[in-house]
Protein backbone atom coordinates (compact mmCIF):
# COMPACT_ATOMS: atom_id res chain seq x y z
CA MET A 1 132.73 26.43 143.94
CA ARG A 2 132.95 29.97 145.27
CA THR A 3 135.78 32.32 144.36
CA VAL A 4 136.64 36.00 144.25
CA ILE A 5 137.48 37.46 140.85
CA PRO A 6 139.59 40.59 141.48
CA ASP A 7 138.80 42.67 138.38
CA ALA A 8 137.27 42.76 134.90
CA ALA A 9 140.38 41.32 133.24
CA ALA A 10 140.27 38.33 135.58
CA MET A 11 136.51 37.88 134.91
CA HIS A 12 137.30 37.79 131.18
CA GLU A 13 140.04 35.23 131.83
CA PHE A 14 137.67 33.16 133.98
CA GLY A 15 135.34 32.99 130.96
CA ARG A 16 138.26 31.80 128.78
CA THR A 17 139.07 29.10 131.35
CA VAL A 18 135.48 27.86 131.56
CA ALA A 19 135.36 27.72 127.73
CA GLY A 20 137.99 24.98 127.85
CA LEU A 21 135.62 22.77 129.84
CA LEU A 22 132.59 23.10 127.56
CA ARG A 23 131.22 21.08 124.66
CA ALA A 24 128.16 21.16 122.44
CA GLY A 25 125.00 20.82 124.50
CA ASP A 26 126.35 22.68 127.52
CA LEU A 27 124.25 25.39 129.10
CA ILE A 28 125.32 28.17 131.45
CA VAL A 29 122.87 30.31 133.38
CA LEU A 30 124.34 33.64 134.50
CA THR A 31 122.79 35.49 137.40
CA GLY A 32 123.78 38.83 138.86
CA PRO A 33 122.74 42.46 138.98
CA LEU A 34 123.42 44.99 136.24
CA GLY A 35 127.14 45.47 135.90
CA ALA A 36 128.09 42.32 137.77
CA GLY A 37 130.24 41.09 134.88
CA LYS A 38 127.93 38.67 133.04
CA THR A 39 128.80 40.04 129.61
CA THR A 40 132.49 40.38 130.49
CA PHE A 41 132.50 36.69 131.45
CA THR A 42 130.69 35.80 128.20
CA ARG A 43 133.19 37.81 126.13
CA GLY A 44 135.98 35.73 127.66
CA LEU A 45 133.99 32.57 126.99
CA GLY A 46 133.56 33.59 123.35
CA GLU A 47 137.26 34.31 123.01
CA GLY A 48 138.11 30.94 124.56
CA LEU A 49 135.70 29.18 122.19
CA GLN A 50 137.13 31.16 119.26
CA VAL A 51 133.80 32.40 117.95
CA ARG A 52 133.15 35.03 115.32
CA GLY A 53 131.79 38.44 116.14
CA SER A 54 131.98 40.78 119.06
CA VAL A 55 130.20 39.39 122.11
CA THR A 56 127.89 42.11 123.40
CA SER A 57 124.78 41.98 125.53
CA PRO A 58 121.83 40.73 123.43
CA THR A 59 119.34 42.79 125.46
CA PHE A 60 117.36 44.09 122.51
CA VAL A 61 117.63 41.07 120.20
CA LEU A 62 117.13 38.48 123.00
CA ALA A 63 119.60 35.99 121.46
CA ARG A 64 122.72 36.26 119.35
CA THR A 65 124.57 33.34 117.74
CA HIS A 66 128.34 33.45 117.33
CA PRO A 67 129.62 30.73 114.95
CA SER A 68 132.91 29.04 115.72
CA THR A 69 135.93 30.00 113.65
CA VAL A 70 137.62 26.65 114.36
CA GLY A 71 134.85 24.12 113.66
CA GLY A 72 133.53 23.95 117.22
CA PRO A 73 129.98 24.51 118.41
CA PRO A 74 128.51 28.00 118.12
CA LEU A 75 128.03 30.17 121.18
CA VAL A 76 124.42 31.30 121.65
CA HIS A 77 124.18 34.28 124.01
CA VAL A 78 120.68 34.89 125.37
CA ASP A 79 119.32 37.74 127.49
CA ALA A 80 116.20 36.39 129.19
CA TYR A 81 115.48 39.52 131.21
CA ARG A 82 112.32 40.33 129.22
CA LEU A 83 111.17 36.70 128.96
CA GLY A 84 108.48 35.51 131.32
CA SER A 85 108.89 31.74 131.28
CA ALA A 86 110.71 28.64 130.06
CA LEU A 87 108.12 28.44 127.27
CA GLU A 88 109.19 31.85 125.94
CA LEU A 89 112.83 30.73 126.11
CA ASP A 90 111.91 27.59 124.19
CA ASP A 91 110.10 29.74 121.60
CA LEU A 92 113.46 31.27 120.62
CA ASP A 93 114.13 27.94 118.85
CA ILE A 94 117.71 27.63 120.06
CA ASP A 95 119.61 24.50 119.07
CA PHE A 96 120.64 23.57 122.62
CA ALA A 97 121.99 20.16 121.57
CA ARG A 98 124.56 21.49 119.07
CA SER A 99 125.47 24.80 120.72
CA ILE A 100 127.01 26.14 123.88
CA VAL A 101 124.30 28.37 125.32
CA VAL A 102 124.72 31.18 127.86
CA VAL A 103 121.51 32.60 129.30
CA GLU A 104 121.75 35.82 131.27
CA TRP A 105 118.86 36.34 133.70
CA GLY A 106 117.74 32.74 133.07
CA ARG A 107 117.49 31.35 136.58
CA GLY A 108 114.18 29.49 136.99
CA MET A 109 113.58 29.21 133.24
CA LEU A 110 115.04 25.80 132.55
CA ASP A 111 112.04 23.57 133.23
CA GLY A 112 111.99 21.12 130.34
CA ILE A 113 114.85 22.89 128.55
CA ALA A 114 117.86 20.99 129.93
CA ASP A 115 118.72 18.33 132.46
CA SER A 116 122.24 19.69 133.08
CA TRP A 117 123.62 23.21 133.36
CA LEU A 118 126.10 25.38 135.20
CA ASP A 119 124.58 28.09 137.35
CA ILE A 120 127.06 30.96 137.69
CA GLU A 121 126.11 33.72 140.10
CA ILE A 122 128.18 36.89 140.08
CA GLU A 123 127.89 39.27 143.02
CA ARG A 124 129.37 42.72 142.97
CA PRO A 125 130.06 44.92 146.00
CA VAL A 126 126.93 46.41 147.56
CA GLY A 127 128.28 49.96 147.29
CA ALA A 128 128.95 49.71 143.55
CA SER A 129 125.52 51.03 142.54
CA GLN A 130 125.99 54.15 144.66
CA ALA A 131 129.48 54.67 143.23
CA ALA A 132 128.14 54.18 139.71
CA ALA A 133 125.54 56.89 140.27
CA SER A 134 128.38 59.38 140.73
CA VAL A 135 130.19 58.40 137.49
CA THR A 136 128.52 61.16 135.51
CA ALA A 137 127.53 64.60 136.71
CA ASP A 138 125.17 65.10 133.75
CA PRO A 139 121.93 63.18 134.51
CA THR A 140 120.80 63.52 130.87
CA GLU A 141 123.89 61.73 129.52
CA VAL A 142 123.14 58.23 128.33
CA LEU A 143 125.81 55.65 129.10
CA ASP A 144 126.01 51.95 128.35
CA ALA A 145 125.25 49.95 131.51
CA THR A 146 128.68 48.32 131.33
CA GLU A 147 130.30 51.77 131.34
CA VAL A 148 128.37 52.79 134.43
CA PHE A 149 128.29 49.59 136.44
CA ASP A 150 131.38 47.64 135.43
CA LEU A 151 133.61 49.25 138.01
CA ASP A 152 136.86 47.36 138.32
CA GLU A 153 136.13 45.86 141.73
CA PRO A 154 136.29 42.30 143.03
CA ARG A 155 133.29 40.07 142.30
CA THR A 156 132.28 36.95 144.17
CA VAL A 157 131.48 34.12 141.77
CA THR A 158 129.63 30.97 142.75
CA VAL A 159 129.49 28.11 140.24
CA THR A 160 126.89 25.43 140.95
CA PRO A 161 126.76 22.44 138.60
CA HIS A 162 123.38 20.76 138.01
CA GLY A 163 122.51 17.44 136.41
CA PRO A 164 124.27 14.35 135.11
CA ARG A 165 126.67 16.19 132.77
CA TRP A 166 128.45 17.75 135.75
CA ALA A 167 127.73 15.11 138.44
CA ASP A 168 131.09 13.35 138.35
CA SER A 169 133.24 15.92 136.59
CA GLY A 170 134.79 17.39 139.74
CA GLU A 171 135.49 20.55 137.74
CA PHE A 172 133.70 22.94 140.09
CA SER A 173 134.24 21.46 143.54
CA GLU A 174 135.53 23.60 146.39
């Protein structure tokens, strides 16, 4: 399935919608450049799953677990950017079977981890990085990457289901 998400609010809502399709044991791999909307999508997912805590990028902690407030599975949000292999991902000791796991930057790291997953690729406009560079005139000012790169522009989202969990679901067909 390939679709255009018009803005950040719609990306958040897309995450809420996908949350309604998930169950314990589901895995989502998010791919896209900085500021594509990976964390915005995951915030919506967390809201849809009704988890506790603010969903923020786990860049420095690698993985953050958000327990359900309604008795559902927890959401585990992983940033695999600094991980080198599936073995390092496995070393995080995530309970994949009883959680819904979102792995940012995880493409190519699923060998032996899961037999089914959703691959969600988010593409932002090519000119966004140049526009983001002009957001601040002070080059010494430190901004959160989402402040700089999450310009409210359309994103192209491609969802590719993998494995038996998604084989006959029909949820993400064109």
